[in-house]
C-alpha atoms as a PDB file:
ATOM      1  CA  MET A   1     -18.654   2.165 -14.087  1.00  0.00           C
ATOM      2  CA  GLY A   2     -19.428   5.172 -11.933  1.00  0.00           C
ATOM      3  CA  ARG A   3     -19.668   8.807 -12.832  1.00  0.00           C
ATOM      4  CA  THR A   4     -16.418  10.469 -13.833  1.00  0.00           C
ATOM      5  CA  VAL A   5     -17.795  13.951 -13.134  1.00  0.00           C
ATOM      6  CA  PRO A   6     -19.615  14.711  -9.885  1.00  0.00           C
ATOM      7  CA  SER A   7     -23.201  15.873 -10.256  1.00  0.00           C
ATOM      8  CA  PHE A   8     -23.992  19.517  -9.669  1.00  0.00           C
ATOM      9  CA  ARG A   9     -25.942  18.567  -6.556  1.00  0.00           C
ATOM     10  CA  MET A  10     -22.801  16.969  -5.139  1.00  0.00           C
ATOM     11  CA  LEU A  11     -20.735  20.042  -6.074  1.00  0.00           C
ATOM     12  CA  LEU A  12     -23.330  22.328  -4.494  1.00  0.00           C
ATOM     13  CA  GLU A  13     -23.373  20.392  -1.235  1.00  0.00           C
ATOM     14  CA  GLY A  14     -19.566  20.398  -1.240  1.00  0.00           C
ATOM     15  CA  ILE A  15     -19.491  24.179  -1.677  1.00  0.00           C
ATOM     16  CA  ILE A  16     -22.074  24.605   1.077  1.00  0.00           C
ATOM     17  CA  GLY A  17     -19.888  22.398   3.266  1.00  0.00           C
ATOM     18  CA  GLU A  18     -16.855  24.546   2.482  1.00  0.00           C
ATOM     19  CA  LEU A  19     -18.843  27.589   3.598  1.00  0.00           C
ATOM     20  CA  SER A  20     -19.772  26.016   6.942  1.00  0.00           C
ATOM     21  CA  ASP A  21     -17.153  28.029   8.897  1.00  0.00           C
ATOM     22  CA  PHE A  22     -18.553  31.216   7.365  1.00  0.00           C
ATOM     23  CA  ARG A  23     -22.086  30.098   8.260  1.00  0.00           C
ATOM     24  CA  ARG A  24     -21.097  29.364  11.859  1.00  0.00           C
ATOM     25  CA  ALA A  25     -19.580  32.853  12.181  1.00  0.00           C
ATOM     26  CA  LEU A  26     -22.872  34.505  11.222  1.00  0.00           C
ATOM     27  CA  ARG A  27     -25.366  35.761  13.786  1.00  0.00           C
ATOM     28  CA  GLY A  28     -28.637  33.888  14.199  1.00  0.00           C
ATOM     29  CA  GLU A  29     -30.807  35.877  11.776  1.00  0.00           C
ATOM     30  CA  ASP A  30     -27.969  36.067   9.237  1.00  0.00           C
ATOM     31  CA  ARG A  31     -27.491  32.315   9.505  1.00  0.00           C
ATOM     32  CA  LEU A  32     -31.177  31.847   8.676  1.00  0.00           C
ATOM     33  CA  ALA A  33     -30.783  34.172   5.679  1.00  0.00           C
ATOM     34  CA  PHE A  34     -27.717  32.226   4.529  1.00  0.00           C
ATOM     35  CA  ASP A  35     -29.607  28.935   4.815  1.00  0.00           C
ATOM     36  CA  SER A  36     -32.455  30.446   2.815  1.00  0.00           C
ATOM     37  CA  LEU A  37     -30.026  31.455   0.060  1.00  0.00           C
ATOM     38  CA  MET A  38     -28.534  27.967  -0.088  1.00  0.00           C
ATOM     39  CA  ASN A  39     -32.030  26.483  -0.327  1.00  0.00           C
ATOM     40  CA  LYS A  40     -32.729  28.815  -3.253  1.00  0.00           C
ATOM     41  CA  ALA A  41     -29.616  27.453  -4.966  1.00  0.00           C
ATOM     42  CA  ARG A  42     -30.760  23.881  -4.302  1.00  0.00           C
ATOM     43  CA  LYS A  43     -34.075  24.593  -6.060  1.00  0.00           C
ATOM     44  CA  HIS A  44     -32.239  25.089  -9.358  1.00  0.00           C
ATOM     45  CA  ALA A  45     -29.644  22.327  -9.137  1.00  0.00           C
ATOM     46  CA  SER A  46     -31.227  20.427 -12.029  1.00  0.00           C
ATOM     47  CA  SER A  47     -31.049  23.529 -14.260  1.00  0.00           C
ATOM     48  CA  CYS A  48     -27.399  24.005 -13.359  1.00  0.00           C
ATOM     49  CA  THR A  49     -26.643  20.411 -14.282  1.00  0.00           C
ATOM     50  CA  VAL A  50     -27.376  21.061 -17.969  1.00  0.00           C
ATOM     51  CA  VAL A  51     -24.700  23.782 -18.157  1.00  0.00           C
ATOM     52  CA  PRO A  52     -21.533  21.960 -17.059  1.00  0.00           C
ATOM     53  CA  THR A  53     -19.260  24.687 -18.487  1.00  0.00           C
ATOM     54  CA  LEU A  54     -20.656  27.274 -16.059  1.00  0.00           C
ATOM     55  CA  ASP A  55     -18.555  27.834 -12.956  1.00  0.00           C
ATOM     56  CA  PRO A  56     -20.433  26.264 -10.010  1.00  0.00           C
ATOM     57  CA  MET A  57     -20.363  29.491  -7.977  1.00  0.00           C
ATOM     58  CA  HIS A  58     -21.788  31.411 -10.918  1.00  0.00           C
ATOM     59  CA  ALA A  59     -24.544  28.819 -11.208  1.00  0.00           C
ATOM     60  CA  ILE A  60     -25.280  29.167  -7.487  1.00  0.00           C
ATOM     61  CA  PHE A  61     -25.454  32.955  -7.754  1.00  0.00           C
ATOM     62  CA  LEU A  62     -27.725  32.769 -10.801  1.00  0.00           C
ATOM     63  CA  SER A  63     -30.023  30.323  -9.032  1.00  0.00           C
ATOM     64  CA  ILE A  64     -30.290  32.614  -6.026  1.00  0.00           C
ATOM     65  CA  LEU A  65     -30.921  35.630  -8.259  1.00  0.00           C
ATOM     66  CA  VAL A  66     -33.724  33.836 -10.120  1.00  0.00           C
ATOM     67  CA  GLU A  67     -35.473  33.017  -6.850  1.00  0.00           C
ATOM     68  CA  GLN A  68     -35.002  36.537  -5.519  1.00  0.00           C
ATOM     69  CA  GLN A  69     -36.367  38.021  -8.743  1.00  0.00           C
ATOM     70  CA  LYS A  70     -39.445  35.814  -8.409  1.00  0.00           C
ATOM     71  CA  GLU A  71     -39.906  37.097  -4.859  1.00  0.00           C
ATOM     72  CA  ILE A  72     -39.544  40.721  -6.015  1.00  0.00           C
ATOM     73  CA  CYS A  73     -42.140  40.181  -8.747  1.00  0.00           C
ATOM     74  CA  SER A  74     -44.494  38.564  -6.283  1.00  0.00           C
ATOM     75  CA  LEU A  75     -44.107  41.475  -3.858  1.00  0.00           C
ATOM     76  CA  ARG A  76     -44.714  43.981  -6.665  1.00  0.00           C
ATOM     77  CA  GLU A  77     -47.863  42.149  -7.723  1.00  0.00           C
ATOM     78  CA  ALA A  78     -49.118  42.122  -4.144  1.00  0.00           C
ATOM     79  CA  GLN A  79     -48.234  45.792  -3.841  1.00  0.00           C
ATOM     80  CA  SER A  80     -50.162  46.770  -6.966  1.00  0.00           C
ATOM     81  CA  ALA A  81     -53.098  44.613  -5.872  1.00  0.00           C
ATOM     82  CA  ASP A  82     -53.178  46.703  -2.688  1.00  0.00           C
ATOM     83  CA  GLY A  83     -53.165  49.896  -4.768  1.00  0.00           C
ATOM     84  CA  ILE A  84     -49.675  50.924  -3.683  1.00  0.00           C
ATOM     85  CA  THR A  85     -47.631  52.725  -6.344  1.00  0.00           C
ATOM     86  CA  SER A  86     -44.310  51.102  -7.114  1.00  0.00           C
ATOM     87  CA  ILE A  87     -41.203  53.284  -6.848  1.00  0.00           C
ATOM     88  CA  SER A  88     -39.288  51.348  -9.482  1.00  0.00           C
ATOM     89  CA  GLY A  89     -40.212  51.482 -13.154  1.00  0.00           C
ATOM     90  CA  THR A  90     -39.659  47.742 -13.495  1.00  0.00           C
ATOM     91  CA  SER A  91     -42.798  45.757 -14.139  1.00  0.00           C
ATOM     92  CA  LYS A  92     -43.933  42.313 -15.170  1.00  0.00           C
ATOM     93  CA  GLU A  93     -43.548  43.338 -18.839  1.00  0.00           C
ATOM     94  CA  HIS A  94     -39.789  43.369 -18.361  1.00  0.00           C
ATOM     95  CA  LEU A  95     -39.987  39.702 -17.501  1.00  0.00           C
ATOM     96  CA  SER A  96     -42.208  38.664 -20.386  1.00  0.00           C
ATOM     97  CA  VAL A  97     -41.220  35.789 -22.620  1.00  0.00           C
ATOM     98  CA  GLY A  98     -39.336  36.857 -25.699  1.00  0.00           C
ATOM     99  CA  ALA A  99     -35.737  37.285 -26.661  1.00  0.00           C
ATOM    100  CA  PRO A 100     -33.473  35.832 -23.943  1.00  0.00           C
ATOM    101  CA  PHE A 101     -31.435  39.045 -23.653  1.00  0.00           C
END
C-alpha cells in the first residue's frame, strides 16, 4: 500500500507550485529573493515532517525564520569580529541552549 498522507516535501512543493503565479509577477531581484526563501524552507522539510499537526504554511514560515535567524547571528558575529558595535541588544546568549521558550 502507498502513503495515505502526502509527505511534507510533497506538500511544500505543491505550495511552491501554487505560488508560481505570484513568483512570476515579481521583478527579477524579488524573484531571486523568493526562490531563496523557498530554498530555506526546503532545508527544514525533514524537521517539518515530524510535526504533522502544524499547518504547512506555518512550518514553511518557521523554517524560513530559522534560516534567517542563523544568517543574522552569523552577520552579528562577523560584525563583532570586525570590532563594529551592534545596535541591537540581542546576542548569541539569547540563542543559547536551555529552556525551549
